[in-house]
Amino acid sequence: MSTKRVKEILAAHADALVMEGTTSPPLEDLPDRIEEAEALMEIAERTQQALQPIPPPPVFRARLHDGLRMAARLQQAYSLSGARHEPAWGWLIGAAALGSAAGVIAIVLRSRAQAHKTTSHLQN
């Protein structure tokens, strides 16, 4: 039997344990009755029996409920105030364009000053 087929059978068994709570392994699907698969299915059954859900205490549920309601109110108030979570991309792009323009102007002014110096120096 291929390893892939054994994995499929074990996955089906695990799904049956989780969904249905059954503990009867589909060993009839294993023609060779692989010992390793049987051991893994037994471990899965023991784990499923040991891990029983525990309901949360009423105090925890009440505190969780109140906390979630408060968080919802804060989020709603924050969204109504017009505040944004994302950065103001327009301002960032504008600042970058302004900085670039200032750099270009500085280069042009410097090159004109250099050209003016050179021409005045040649005339003297």
PDB file of N, CA and C in Angstrom:
ATOM      1  N   MET A   1       0.847  -1.170   0.000  1.00  0.00           N
ATOM      2  CA  MET A   1       0.000   0.000   0.000  1.00  0.00           C
ATOM      3  C   MET A   1       0.891   1.231   0.000  1.00  0.00           C
ATOM      4  N   SER A   2       0.496   2.219  -0.781  1.00  0.00           N
ATOM      5  CA  SER A   2       1.320   3.413  -0.899  1.00  0.00           C
ATOM      6  C   SER A   2       1.190   4.288   0.348  1.00  0.00           C
ATOM      7  N   THR A   3       2.212   5.071   0.576  1.00  0.00           N
ATOM      8  CA  THR A   3       2.212   5.980   1.712  1.00  0.00           C
ATOM      9  C   THR A   3       1.100   7.012   1.570  1.00  0.00           C
ATOM     10  N   LYS A   4       0.850   7.423   0.331  1.00  0.00           N
ATOM     11  CA  LYS A   4      -0.199   8.403   0.086  1.00  0.00           C
ATOM     12  C   LYS A   4      -1.568   7.862   0.522  1.00  0.00           C
ATOM     13  N   ARG A   5      -1.829   6.598   0.223  1.00  0.00           N
ATOM     14  CA  ARG A   5      -3.115   5.987   0.584  1.00  0.00           C
ATOM     15  C   ARG A   5      -3.248   5.892   2.105  1.00  0.00           C
ATOM     16  N   VAL A   6      -2.164   5.559   2.782  1.00  0.00           N
ATOM     17  CA  VAL A   6      -2.197   5.481   4.248  1.00  0.00           C
ATOM     18  C   VAL A   6      -2.501   6.871   4.826  1.00  0.00           C
ATOM     19  N   LYS A   7      -1.882   7.911   4.256  1.00  0.00           N
ATOM     20  CA  LYS A   7      -2.133   9.271   4.732  1.00  0.00           C
ATOM     21  C   LYS A   7      -3.586   9.658   4.522  1.00  0.00           C
ATOM     22  N   GLU A   8      -4.146   9.272   3.399  1.00  0.00           N
ATOM     23  CA  GLU A   8      -5.553   9.578   3.124  1.00  0.00           C
ATOM     24  C   GLU A   8      -6.474   8.900   4.140  1.00  0.00           C
ATOM     25  N   ILE A   9      -6.177   7.639   4.447  1.00  0.00           N
ATOM     26  CA  ILE A   9      -7.005   6.901   5.404  1.00  0.00           C
ATOM     27  C   ILE A   9      -6.897   7.524   6.795  1.00  0.00           C
ATOM     28  N   LEU A  10      -5.680   7.893   7.189  1.00  0.00           N
ATOM     29  CA  LEU A  10      -5.499   8.525   8.495  1.00  0.00           C
ATOM     30  C   LEU A  10      -6.190   9.884   8.550  1.00  0.00           C
ATOM     31  N   ALA A  11      -6.138  10.639   7.465  1.00  0.00           N
ATOM     32  CA  ALA A  11      -6.821  11.935   7.431  1.00  0.00           C
ATOM     33  C   ALA A  11      -8.328  11.747   7.531  1.00  0.00           C
ATOM     34  N   ALA A  12      -8.862  10.738   6.845  1.00  0.00           N
ATOM     35  CA  ALA A  12     -10.299  10.460   6.918  1.00  0.00           C
ATOM     36  C   ALA A  12     -10.693  10.066   8.337  1.00  0.00           C
ATOM     37  N   HIS A  13      -9.850   9.290   8.990  1.00  0.00           N
ATOM     38  CA  HIS A  13     -10.119   8.885  10.367  1.00  0.00           C
ATOM     39  C   HIS A  13     -10.107  10.095  11.296  1.00  0.00           C
ATOM     40  N   ALA A  14      -9.134  10.978  11.110  1.00  0.00           N
ATOM     41  CA  ALA A  14      -9.063  12.180  11.944  1.00  0.00           C
ATOM     42  C   ALA A  14     -10.287  13.057  11.720  1.00  0.00           C
ATOM     43  N   ASP A  15     -10.717  13.192  10.475  1.00  0.00           N
ATOM     44  CA  ASP A  15     -11.921  13.979  10.191  1.00  0.00           C
ATOM     45  C   ASP A  15     -13.134  13.370  10.869  1.00  0.00           C
ATOM     46  N   ALA A  16     -13.241  12.055  10.830  1.00  0.00           N
ATOM     47  CA  ALA A  16     -14.375  11.388  11.472  1.00  0.00           C
ATOM     48  C   ALA A  16     -14.356  11.612  12.980  1.00  0.00           C
ATOM     49  N   LEU A  17     -13.172  11.608  13.582  1.00  0.00           N
ATOM     50  CA  LEU A  17     -13.068  11.854  15.019  1.00  0.00           C
ATOM     51  C   LEU A  17     -13.497  13.276  15.368  1.00  0.00           C
ATOM     52  N   VAL A  18     -13.084  14.228  14.543  1.00  0.00           N
ATOM     53  CA  VAL A  18     -13.384  15.625  14.835  1.00  0.00           C
ATOM     54  C   VAL A  18     -14.844  15.942  14.558  1.00  0.00           C
ATOM     55  N   MET A  19     -15.346  15.522  13.414  1.00  0.00           N
ATOM     56  CA  MET A  19     -16.704  15.887  13.011  1.00  0.00           C
ATOM     57  C   MET A  19     -17.783  15.065  13.713  1.00  0.00           C
ATOM     58  N   GLU A  20     -17.599  13.800  13.748  1.00  0.00           N
ATOM     59  CA  GLU A  20     -18.658  12.917  14.228  1.00  0.00           C
ATOM     60  C   GLU A  20     -18.428  12.432  15.651  1.00  0.00           C
ATOM     61  N   GLY A  21     -17.203  12.484  16.112  1.00  0.00           N
ATOM     62  CA  GLY A  21     -16.891  11.983  17.430  1.00  0.00           C
ATOM     63  C   GLY A  21     -16.825  10.467  17.489  1.00  0.00           C
ATOM     64  N   THR A  22     -16.806   9.829  16.340  1.00  0.00           N
ATOM     65  CA  THR A  22     -16.733   8.367  16.325  1.00  0.00           C
ATOM     66  C   THR A  22     -15.330   7.923  16.626  1.00  0.00           C
ATOM     67  N   THR A  23     -15.229   6.751  17.194  1.00  0.00           N
ATOM     68  CA  THR A  23     -13.898   6.220  17.505  1.00  0.00           C
ATOM     69  C   THR A  23     -13.649   4.900  16.803  1.00  0.00           C
ATOM     70  N   SER A  24     -14.488   4.564  15.861  1.00  0.00           N
ATOM     71  CA  SER A  24     -14.240   3.307  15.149  1.00  0.00           C
ATOM     72  C   SER A  24     -13.361   3.591  13.945  1.00  0.00           C
ATOM     73  N   PRO A  25     -12.112   3.172  13.997  1.00  0.00           N
ATOM     74  CA  PRO A  25     -11.207   3.473  12.891  1.00  0.00           C
ATOM     75  C   PRO A  25     -11.563   2.648  11.657  1.00  0.00           C
ATOM     76  N   PRO A  26     -11.380   3.217  10.480  1.00  0.00           N
ATOM     77  CA  PRO A  26     -11.679   2.475   9.254  1.00  0.00           C
ATOM     78  C   PRO A  26     -10.555   1.505   8.898  1.00  0.00           C
ATOM     79  N   LEU A  27     -10.277   0.586   9.814  1.00  0.00           N
ATOM     80  CA  LEU A  27      -9.195  -0.367   9.571  1.00  0.00           C
ATOM     81  C   LEU A  27      -9.524  -1.337   8.444  1.00  0.00           C
ATOM     82  N   GLU A  28     -10.810  -1.456   8.145  1.00  0.00           N
ATOM     83  CA  GLU A  28     -11.151  -2.351   7.042  1.00  0.00           C
ATOM     84  C   GLU A  28     -10.640  -1.803   5.709  1.00  0.00           C
ATOM     85  N   ASP A  29     -10.354  -0.487   5.673  1.00  0.00           N
ATOM     86  CA  ASP A  29      -9.785   0.103   4.461  1.00  0.00           C
ATOM     87  C   ASP A  29      -8.310  -0.262   4.292  1.00  0.00           C
ATOM     88  N   LEU A  30      -7.691  -0.710   5.361  1.00  0.00           N
ATOM     89  CA  LEU A  30      -6.276  -1.066   5.295  1.00  0.00           C
ATOM     90  C   LEU A  30      -6.155  -2.568   5.024  1.00  0.00           C
ATOM     91  N   PRO A  31      -5.820  -2.929   3.803  1.00  0.00           N
ATOM     92  CA  PRO A  31      -5.753  -4.351   3.494  1.00  0.00           C
ATOM     93  C   PRO A  31      -4.647  -5.068   4.261  1.00  0.00           C
ATOM     94  N   ASP A  32      -3.547  -4.368   4.507  1.00  0.00           N
ATOM     95  CA  ASP A  32      -2.411  -5.003   5.167  1.00  0.00           C
ATOM     96  C   ASP A  32      -2.457  -4.812   6.682  1.00  0.00           C
ATOM     97  N   ARG A  33      -3.415  -4.041   7.154  1.00  0.00           N
ATOM     98  CA  ARG A  33      -3.495  -3.705   8.580  1.00  0.00           C
ATOM     99  C   ARG A  33      -2.123  -3.258   9.103  1.00  0.00           C
ATOM    100  N   ILE A  34      -1.663  -2.198   8.549  1.00  0.00           N
ATOM    101  CA  ILE A  34      -0.346  -1.665   8.892  1.00  0.00           C
ATOM    102  C   ILE A  34      -0.325  -1.293  10.373  1.00  0.00           C
ATOM    103  N   GLU A  35       0.645  -1.811  11.076  1.00  0.00           N
ATOM    104  CA  GLU A  35       0.740  -1.610  12.527  1.00  0.00           C
ATOM    105  C   GLU A  35       0.925  -0.132  12.874  1.00  0.00           C
ATOM    106  N   GLU A  36       1.706   0.559  12.063  1.00  0.00           N
ATOM    107  CA  GLU A  36       1.953   1.978  12.328  1.00  0.00           C
ATOM    108  C   GLU A  36       0.652   2.772  12.215  1.00  0.00           C
ATOM    109  N   ALA A  37      -0.150   2.464  11.215  1.00  0.00           N
ATOM    110  CA  ALA A  37      -1.425   3.169  11.037  1.00  0.00           C
ATOM    111  C   ALA A  37      -2.363   2.868  12.198  1.00  0.00           C
ATOM    112  N   GLU A  38      -2.400   1.633  12.638  1.00  0.00           N
ATOM    113  CA  GLU A  38      -3.243   1.278  13.772  1.00  0.00           C
ATOM    114  C   GLU A  38      -2.816   2.030  15.030  1.00  0.00           C
ATOM    115  N   ALA A  39      -1.491   2.133  15.232  1.00  0.00           N
ATOM    116  CA  ALA A  39      -0.993   2.855  16.403  1.00  0.00           C
ATOM    117  C   ALA A  39      -1.347   4.346  16.317  1.00  0.00           C
ATOM    118  N   LEU A  40      -1.221   4.917  15.129  1.00  0.00           N
ATOM    119  CA  LEU A  40      -1.560   6.331  14.964  1.00  0.00           C
ATOM    120  C   LEU A  40      -3.050   6.572  15.198  1.00  0.00           C
ATOM    121  N   MET A  41      -3.883   5.665  14.735  1.00  0.00           N
ATOM    122  CA  MET A  41      -5.322   5.818  14.947  1.00  0.00           C
ATOM    123  C   MET A  41      -5.675   5.685  16.428  1.00  0.00           C
ATOM    124  N   GLU A  42      -4.984   4.831  17.119  1.00  0.00           N
ATOM    125  CA  GLU A  42      -5.223   4.686  18.553  1.00  0.00           C
ATOM    126  C   GLU A  42      -4.823   5.949  19.298  1.00  0.00           C
ATOM    127  N   ILE A  43      -3.699   6.533  18.907  1.00  0.00           N
ATOM    128  CA  ILE A  43      -3.259   7.792  19.529  1.00  0.00           C
ATOM    129  C   ILE A  43      -4.275   8.891  19.249  1.00  0.00           C
ATOM    130  N   ALA A  44      -4.783   8.933  18.027  1.00  0.00           N
ATOM    131  CA  ALA A  44      -5.774   9.949  17.679  1.00  0.00           C
ATOM    132  C   ALA A  44      -7.036   9.785  18.511  1.00  0.00           C
ATOM    133  N   GLU A  45      -7.468   8.553  18.729  1.00  0.00           N
ATOM    134  CA  GLU A  45      -8.658   8.309  19.543  1.00  0.00           C
ATOM    135  C   GLU A  45      -8.440   8.727  20.984  1.00  0.00           C
ATOM    136  N   ARG A  46      -7.280   8.393  21.545  1.00  0.00           N
ATOM    137  CA  ARG A  46      -6.985   8.775  22.925  1.00  0.00           C
ATOM    138  C   ARG A  46      -6.943  10.298  23.066  1.00  0.00           C
ATOM    139  N   THR A  47      -6.334  10.950  22.084  1.00  0.00           N
ATOM    140  CA  THR A  47      -6.249  12.409  22.119  1.00  0.00           C
ATOM    141  C   THR A  47      -7.637  13.026  22.056  1.00  0.00           C
ATOM    142  N   GLN A  48      -8.481  12.488  21.191  1.00  0.00           N
ATOM    143  CA  GLN A  48      -9.833  13.007  21.046  1.00  0.00           C
ATOM    144  C   GLN A  48     -10.629  12.833  22.336  1.00  0.00           C
ATOM    145  N   GLN A  49     -10.423  11.738  23.015  1.00  0.00           N
ATOM    146  CA  GLN A  49     -11.126  11.500  24.270  1.00  0.00           C
ATOM    147  C   GLN A  49     -10.596  12.403  25.382  1.00  0.00           C
ATOM    148  N   ALA A  50      -9.293  12.692  25.349  1.00  0.00           N
ATOM    149  CA  ALA A  50      -8.693  13.500  26.406  1.00  0.00           C
ATOM    150  C   ALA A  50      -9.007  14.989  26.247  1.00  0.00           C
ATOM    151  N   LEU A  51      -9.134  15.424  25.010  1.00  0.00           N
ATOM    152  CA  LEU A  51      -9.362  16.840  24.757  1.00  0.00           C
ATOM    153  C   LEU A  51     -10.846  17.125  24.635  1.00  0.00           C
ATOM    154  N   GLN A  52     -11.476  17.339  25.741  1.00  0.00           N
ATOM    155  CA  GLN A  52     -12.893  17.671  25.764  1.00  0.00           C
ATOM    156  C   GLN A  52     -13.033  19.185  25.891  1.00  0.00           C
ATOM    157  N   PRO A  53     -13.971  19.786  25.166  1.00  0.00           N
ATOM    158  CA  PRO A  53     -14.144  21.239  25.272  1.00  0.00           C
ATOM    159  C   PRO A  53     -14.624  21.641  26.662  1.00  0.00           C
ATOM    160  N   ILE A  54     -14.118  22.762  27.128  1.00  0.00           N
ATOM    161  CA  ILE A  54     -14.490  23.284  28.436  1.00  0.00           C
ATOM    162  C   ILE A  54     -15.212  24.608  28.203  1.00  0.00           C
ATOM    163  N   PRO A  55     -16.441  24.715  28.625  1.00  0.00           N
ATOM    164  CA  PRO A  55     -17.166  25.981  28.413  1.00  0.00           C
ATOM    165  C   PRO A  55     -16.577  27.082  29.293  1.00  0.00           C
ATOM    166  N   PRO A  56     -16.507  28.299  28.762  1.00  0.00           N
ATOM    167  CA  PRO A  56     -15.955  29.390  29.576  1.00  0.00           C
ATOM    168  C   PRO A  56     -16.927  29.779  30.680  1.00  0.00           C
ATOM    169  N   PRO A  57     -16.391  30.266  31.794  1.00  0.00           N
ATOM    170  CA  PRO A  57     -17.261  30.691  32.896  1.00  0.00           C
ATOM    171  C   PRO A  57     -18.106  31.895  32.474  1.00  0.00           C
ATOM    172  N   PRO A  58     -19.271  32.055  33.088  1.00  0.00           N
ATOM    173  CA  PRO A  58     -20.154  33.180  32.735  1.00  0.00           C
ATOM    174  C   PRO A  58     -19.496  34.546  32.935  1.00  0.00           C
ATOM    175  N   VAL A  59     -18.639  34.672  33.935  1.00  0.00           N
ATOM    176  CA  VAL A  59     -17.966  35.952  34.183  1.00  0.00           C
ATOM    177  C   VAL A  59     -17.072  36.306  32.993  1.00  0.00           C
ATOM    178  N   PHE A  60     -16.347  35.325  32.470  1.00  0.00           N
ATOM    179  CA  PHE A  60     -15.487  35.559  31.309  1.00  0.00           C
ATOM    180  C   PHE A  60     -16.320  35.973  30.101  1.00  0.00           C
ATOM    181  N   ARG A  61     -17.418  35.286  29.880  1.00  0.00           N
ATOM    182  CA  ARG A  61     -18.283  35.604  28.739  1.00  0.00           C
ATOM    183  C   ARG A  61     -18.825  37.025  28.853  1.00  0.00           C
ATOM    184  N   ALA A  62     -19.223  37.423  30.049  1.00  0.00           N
ATOM    185  CA  ALA A  62     -19.760  38.771  30.254  1.00  0.00           C
ATOM    186  C   ALA A  62     -18.688  39.830  30.004  1.00  0.00           C
ATOM    187  N   ARG A  63     -17.485  39.601  30.525  1.00  0.00           N
ATOM    188  CA  ARG A  63     -16.394  40.558  30.312  1.00  0.00           C
ATOM    189  C   ARG A  63     -16.010  40.640  28.843  1.00  0.00           C
ATOM    190  N   LEU A  64     -15.986  39.488  28.162  1.00  0.00           N
ATOM    191  CA  LEU A  64     -15.685  39.478  26.732  1.00  0.00           C
ATOM    192  C   LEU A  64     -16.746  40.243  25.956  1.00  0.00           C
ATOM    193  N   HIS A  65     -17.998  40.022  26.299  1.00  0.00           N
ATOM    194  CA  HIS A  65     -19.102  40.708  25.630  1.00  0.00           C
ATOM    195  C   HIS A  65     -18.986  42.227  25.813  1.00  0.00           C
ATOM    196  N   ASP A  66     -18.744  42.656  27.042  1.00  0.00           N
ATOM    197  CA  ASP A  66     -18.605  44.091  27.312  1.00  0.00           C
ATOM    198  C   ASP A  66     -17.400  44.682  26.585  1.00  0.00           C
ATOM    199  N   GLY A  67     -16.313  43.959  26.577  1.00  0.00           N
ATOM    200  CA  GLY A  67     -15.113  44.448  25.897  1.00  0.00           C
ATOM    201  C   GLY A  67     -15.313  44.575  24.394  1.00  0.00           C
ATOM    202  N   LEU A  68     -15.987  43.614  23.803  1.00  0.00           N
ATOM    203  CA  LEU A  68     -16.243  43.682  22.364  1.00  0.00           C
ATOM    204  C   LEU A  68     -17.201  44.820  22.020  1.00  0.00           C
ATOM    205  N   ARG A  69     -18.206  45.037  22.863  1.00  0.00           N
ATOM    206  CA  ARG A  69     -19.119  46.156  22.620  1.00  0.00           C
ATOM    207  C   ARG A  69     -18.393  47.485  22.726  1.00  0.00           C
ATOM    208  N   MET A  70     -17.501  47.611  23.719  1.00  0.00           N
ATOM    209  CA  MET A  70     -16.746  48.849  23.879  1.00  0.00           C
ATOM    210  C   MET A  70     -15.820  49.075  22.682  1.00  0.00           C
ATOM    211  N   ALA A  71     -15.170  48.021  22.228  1.00  0.00           N
ATOM    212  CA  ALA A  71     -14.289  48.144  21.067  1.00  0.00           C
ATOM    213  C   ALA A  71     -15.080  48.548  19.827  1.00  0.00           C
ATOM    214  N   ALA A  72     -16.283  47.998  19.656  1.00  0.00           N
ATOM    215  CA  ALA A  72     -17.119  48.360  18.517  1.00  0.00           C
ATOM    216  C   ALA A  72     -17.531  49.824  18.586  1.00  0.00           C
ATOM    217  N   ARG A  73     -17.883  50.286  19.777  1.00  0.00           N
ATOM    218  CA  ARG A  73     -18.255  51.700  19.931  1.00  0.00           C
ATOM    219  C   ARG A  73     -17.079  52.619  19.628  1.00  0.00           C
ATOM    220  N   LEU A  74     -15.904  52.266  20.124  1.00  0.00           N
ATOM    221  CA  LEU A  74     -14.718  53.090  19.859  1.00  0.00           C
ATOM    222  C   LEU A  74     -14.394  53.123  18.369  1.00  0.00           C
ATOM    223  N   GLN A  75     -14.488  51.982  17.728  1.00  0.00           N
ATOM    224  CA  GLN A  75     -14.206  51.927  16.296  1.00  0.00           C
ATOM    225  C   GLN A  75     -15.223  52.766  15.525  1.00  0.00           C
ATOM    226  N   GLN A  76     -16.479  52.685  15.908  1.00  0.00           N
ATOM    227  CA  GLN A  76     -17.519  53.462  15.238  1.00  0.00           C
ATOM    228  C   GLN A  76     -17.287  54.958  15.467  1.00  0.00           C
ATOM    229  N   ALA A  77     -16.964  55.354  16.688  1.00  0.00           N
ATOM    230  CA  ALA A  77     -16.714  56.767  16.981  1.00  0.00           C
ATOM    231  C   ALA A  77     -15.490  57.261  16.223  1.00  0.00           C
ATOM    232  N   TYR A  78     -14.489  56.425  16.124  1.00  0.00           N
ATOM    233  CA  TYR A  78     -13.271  56.808  15.418  1.00  0.00           C
ATOM    234  C   TYR A  78     -13.545  56.991  13.933  1.00  0.00           C
ATOM    235  N   SER A  79     -14.358  56.110  13.359  1.00  0.00           N
ATOM    236  CA  SER A  79     -14.657  56.234  11.931  1.00  0.00           C
ATOM    237  C   SER A  79     -15.576  57.422  11.661  1.00  0.00           C
ATOM    238  N   LEU A  80     -16.461  57.767  12.605  1.00  0.00           N
ATOM    239  CA  LEU A  80     -17.331  58.922  12.431  1.00  0.00           C
ATOM    240  C   LEU A  80     -16.576  60.239  12.575  1.00  0.00           C
ATOM    241  N   SER A  81     -15.486  60.235  13.328  1.00  0.00           N
ATOM    242  CA  SER A  81     -14.716  61.464  13.521  1.00  0.00           C
ATOM    243  C   SER A  81     -13.924  61.838  12.285  1.00  0.00           C
ATOM    244  N   GLY A  82     -13.863  60.960  11.316  1.00  0.00           N
ATOM    245  CA  GLY A  82     -13.160  61.272  10.074  1.00  0.00           C
ATOM    246  C   GLY A  82     -11.679  60.975  10.123  1.00  0.00           C
ATOM    247  N   ALA A  83     -11.212  60.429  11.204  1.00  0.00           N
ATOM    248  CA  ALA A  83      -9.790  60.098  11.299  1.00  0.00           C
ATOM    249  C   ALA A  83      -9.489  58.927  10.374  1.00  0.00           C
ATOM    250  N   ARG A  84      -8.314  58.953   9.817  1.00  0.00           N
ATOM    251  CA  ARG A  84      -7.924  57.901   8.891  1.00  0.00           C
ATOM    252  C   ARG A  84      -6.833  57.038   9.503  1.00  0.00           C
ATOM    253  N   HIS A  85      -6.858  55.776   9.120  1.00  0.00           N
ATOM    254  CA  HIS A  85      -5.811  54.866   9.577  1.00  0.00           C
ATOM    255  C   HIS A  85      -4.605  54.922   8.646  1.00  0.00           C
ATOM    256  N   GLU A  86      -4.820  55.212   7.388  1.00  0.00           N
ATOM    257  CA  GLU A  86      -3.719  55.205   6.431  1.00  0.00           C
ATOM    258  C   GLU A  86      -3.068  56.584   6.391  1.00  0.00           C
ATOM    259  N   PRO A  87      -1.815  56.652   6.021  1.00  0.00           N
ATOM    260  CA  PRO A  87      -1.146  57.957   5.947  1.00  0.00           C
ATOM    261  C   PRO A  87      -1.741  58.786   4.814  1.00  0.00           C
ATOM    262  N   ALA A  88      -1.611  60.088   4.926  1.00  0.00           N
ATOM    263  CA  ALA A  88      -2.124  60.985   3.896  1.00  0.00           C
ATOM    264  C   ALA A  88      -1.162  60.966   2.715  1.00  0.00           C
ATOM    265  N   TRP A  89      -1.461  60.118   1.749  1.00  0.00           N
ATOM    266  CA  TRP A  89      -0.564  59.940   0.605  1.00  0.00           C
ATOM    267  C   TRP A  89      -0.435  61.228  -0.202  1.00  0.00           C
ATOM    268  N   GLY A  90      -1.476  62.007  -0.282  1.00  0.00           N
ATOM    269  CA  GLY A  90      -1.416  63.268  -1.027  1.00  0.00           C
ATOM    270  C   GLY A  90      -0.364  64.193  -0.455  1.00  0.00           C
ATOM    271  N   TRP A  91      -0.334  64.264   0.888  1.00  0.00           N
ATOM    272  CA  TRP A  91       0.665  65.124   1.537  1.00  0.00           C
ATOM    273  C   TRP A  91       2.086  64.614   1.298  1.00  0.00           C
ATOM    274  N   LEU A  92       2.249  63.315   1.358  1.00  0.00           N
ATOM    275  CA  LEU A  92       3.584  62.753   1.140  1.00  0.00           C
ATOM    276  C   LEU A  92       4.068  62.994  -0.285  1.00  0.00           C
ATOM    277  N   ILE A  93       3.192  62.783  -1.249  1.00  0.00           N
ATOM    278  CA  ILE A  93       3.566  62.997  -2.652  1.00  0.00           C
ATOM    279  C   ILE A  93       3.835  64.475  -2.909  1.00  0.00           C
ATOM    280  N   GLY A  94       3.004  65.340  -2.325  1.00  0.00           N
ATOM    281  CA  GLY A  94       3.219  66.776  -2.482  1.00  0.00           C
ATOM    282  C   GLY A  94       4.549  67.224  -1.893  1.00  0.00           C
ATOM    283  N   ALA A  95       4.879  66.702  -0.722  1.00  0.00           N
ATOM    284  CA  ALA A  95       6.159  67.070  -0.086  1.00  0.00           C
ATOM    285  C   ALA A  95       7.333  66.582  -0.923  1.00  0.00           C
ATOM    286  N   ALA A  96       7.219  65.381  -1.489  1.00  0.00           N
ATOM    287  CA  ALA A  96       8.296  64.861  -2.331  1.00  0.00           C
ATOM    288  C   ALA A  96       8.443  65.701  -3.597  1.00  0.00           C
ATOM    289  N   ALA A  97       7.324  66.108  -4.192  1.00  0.00           N
ATOM    290  CA  ALA A  97       7.382  66.945  -5.402  1.00  0.00           C
ATOM    291  C   ALA A  97       7.978  68.307  -5.079  1.00  0.00           C
ATOM    292  N   LEU A  98       7.595  68.876  -3.953  1.00  0.00           N
ATOM    293  CA  LEU A  98       8.141  70.166  -3.551  1.00  0.00           C
ATOM    294  C   LEU A  98       9.645  70.080  -3.307  1.00  0.00           C
ATOM    295  N   GLY A  99      10.079  69.002  -2.658  1.00  0.00           N
ATOM    296  CA  GLY A  99      11.518  68.816  -2.437  1.00  0.00           C
ATOM    297  C   GLY A  99      12.275  68.650  -3.739  1.00  0.00           C
ATOM    298  N   SER A 100      11.682  67.918  -4.677  1.00  0.00           N
ATOM    299  CA  SER A 100      12.334  67.749  -5.980  1.00  0.00           C
ATOM    300  C   SER A 100      12.409  69.069  -6.727  1.00  0.00           C
ATOM    301  N   ALA A 101      11.335  69.827  -6.681  1.00  0.00           N
ATOM    302  CA  ALA A 101      11.332  71.127  -7.364  1.00  0.00           C
ATOM    303  C   ALA A 101      12.365  72.059  -6.743  1.00  0.00           C
ATOM    304  N   ALA A 102      12.475  72.056  -5.440  1.00  0.00           N
ATOM    305  CA  ALA A 102      13.467  72.902  -4.773  1.00  0.00           C
ATOM    306  C   ALA A 102      14.878  72.490  -5.182  1.00  0.00           C
ATOM    307  N   GLY A 103      15.110  71.193  -5.321  1.00  0.00           N
ATOM    308  CA  GLY A 103      16.423  70.725  -5.748  1.00  0.00           C
ATOM    309  C   GLY A 103      16.740  71.146  -7.168  1.00  0.00           C
ATOM    310  N   VAL A 104      15.754  71.058  -8.060  1.00  0.00           N
ATOM    311  CA  VAL A 104      15.965  71.475  -9.457  1.00  0.00           C
ATOM    312  C   VAL A 104      16.238  72.972  -9.526  1.00  0.00           C
ATOM    313  N   ILE A 105      15.485  73.768  -8.757  1.00  0.00           N
ATOM    314  CA  ILE A 105      15.697  75.214  -8.747  1.00  0.00           C
ATOM    315  C   ILE A 105      17.086  75.550  -8.225  1.00  0.00           C
ATOM    316  N   ALA A 106      17.521  74.845  -7.185  1.00  0.00           N
ATOM    317  CA  ALA A 106      18.860  75.100  -6.640  1.00  0.00           C
ATOM    318  C   ALA A 106      19.932  74.764  -7.666  1.00  0.00           C
ATOM    319  N   ILE A 107      19.767  73.687  -8.411  1.00  0.00           N
ATOM    320  CA  ILE A 107      20.751  73.310  -9.444  1.00  0.00           C
ATOM    321  C   ILE A 107      20.784  74.360 -10.557  1.00  0.00           C
ATOM    322  N   VAL A 108      19.610  74.823 -10.990  1.00  0.00           N
ATOM    323  CA  VAL A 108      19.540  75.829 -12.057  1.00  0.00           C
ATOM    324  C   VAL A 108      20.185  77.125 -11.601  1.00  0.00           C
ATOM    325  N   LEU A 109      19.858  77.561 -10.376  1.00  0.00           N
ATOM    326  CA  LEU A 109      20.451  78.805  -9.874  1.00  0.00           C
ATOM    327  C   LEU A 109      21.965  78.686  -9.739  1.00  0.00           C
ATOM    328  N   ARG A 110      22.428  77.556  -9.302  1.00  0.00           N
ATOM    329  CA  ARG A 110      23.878  77.376  -9.156  1.00  0.00           C
ATOM    330  C   ARG A 110      24.570  77.358 -10.508  1.00  0.00           C
ATOM    331  N   SER A 111      23.956  76.682 -11.475  1.00  0.00           N
ATOM    332  CA  SER A 111      24.583  76.649 -12.802  1.00  0.00           C
ATOM    333  C   SER A 111      24.570  78.034 -13.432  1.00  0.00           C
ATOM    334  N   ARG A 112      23.524  78.842 -13.203  1.00  0.00           N
ATOM    335  CA  ARG A 112      23.500  80.217 -13.719  1.00  0.00           C
ATOM    336  C   ARG A 112      24.562  81.063 -13.032  1.00  0.00           C
ATOM    337  N   ALA A 113      24.713  80.857 -11.726  1.00  0.00           N
ATOM    338  CA  ALA A 113      25.729  81.623 -11.004  1.00  0.00           C
ATOM    339  C   ALA A 113      27.116  81.248 -11.501  1.00  0.00           C
ATOM    340  N   GLN A 114      27.342  79.957 -11.756  1.00  0.00           N
ATOM    341  CA  GLN A 114      28.632  79.506 -12.277  1.00  0.00           C
ATOM    342  C   GLN A 114      28.872  80.086 -13.665  1.00  0.00           C
ATOM    343  N   ALA A 115      27.825  80.093 -14.514  1.00  0.00           N
ATOM    344  CA  ALA A 115      27.959  80.638 -15.873  1.00  0.00           C
ATOM    345  C   ALA A 115      28.210  82.146 -15.809  1.00  0.00           C
ATOM    346  N   HIS A 116      27.543  82.823 -14.911  1.00  0.00           N
ATOM    347  CA  HIS A 116      27.717  84.259 -14.769  1.00  0.00           C
ATOM    348  C   HIS A 116      29.126  84.584 -14.283  1.00  0.00           C
ATOM    349  N   LYS A 117      29.661  83.786 -13.329  1.00  0.00           N
ATOM    350  CA  LYS A 117      31.016  83.964 -12.832  1.00  0.00           C
ATOM    351  C   LYS A 117      32.019  83.761 -13.950  1.00  0.00           C
ATOM    352  N   THR A 118      31.792  82.712 -14.733  1.00  0.00           N
ATOM    353  CA  THR A 118      32.723  82.373 -15.816  1.00  0.00           C
ATOM    354  C   THR A 118      32.743  83.486 -16.876  1.00  0.00           C
ATOM    355  N   THR A 119      31.592  83.982 -17.249  1.00  0.00           N
ATOM    356  CA  THR A 119      31.552  85.032 -18.279  1.00  0.00           C
ATOM    357  C   THR A 119      32.114  86.334 -17.744  1.00  0.00           C
ATOM    358  N   SER A 120      31.881  86.672 -16.495  1.00  0.00           N
ATOM    359  CA  SER A 120      32.429  87.918 -15.927  1.00  0.00           C
ATOM    360  C   SER A 120      33.933  87.779 -15.728  1.00  0.00           C
ATOM    361  N   HIS A 121      34.391  86.610 -15.427  1.00  0.00           N
ATOM    362  CA  HIS A 121      35.827  86.367 -15.241  1.00  0.00           C
ATOM    363  C   HIS A 121      36.541  86.438 -16.594  1.00  0.00           C
ATOM    364  N   LEU A 122      35.919  85.971 -17.663  1.00  0.00           N
ATOM    365  CA  LEU A 122      36.513  86.022 -19.000  1.00  0.00           C
ATOM    366  C   LEU A 122      36.529  87.434 -19.541  1.00  0.00           C
ATOM    367  N   GLN A 123      35.574  88.246 -19.172  1.00  0.00           N
ATOM    368  CA  GLN A 123      35.524  89.620 -19.662  1.00  0.00           C
ATOM    369  C   GLN A 123      36.573  90.494 -18.992  1.00  0.00           C
ATOM    370  N   ASN A 124      37.019  90.157 -17.822  1.00  0.00           N
ATOM    371  CA  ASN A 124      38.025  90.950 -17.118  1.00  0.00           C
ATOM    372  C   ASN A 124      39.361  90.568 -17.562  1.00  0.00           C
TER     373      ASN A 124
END
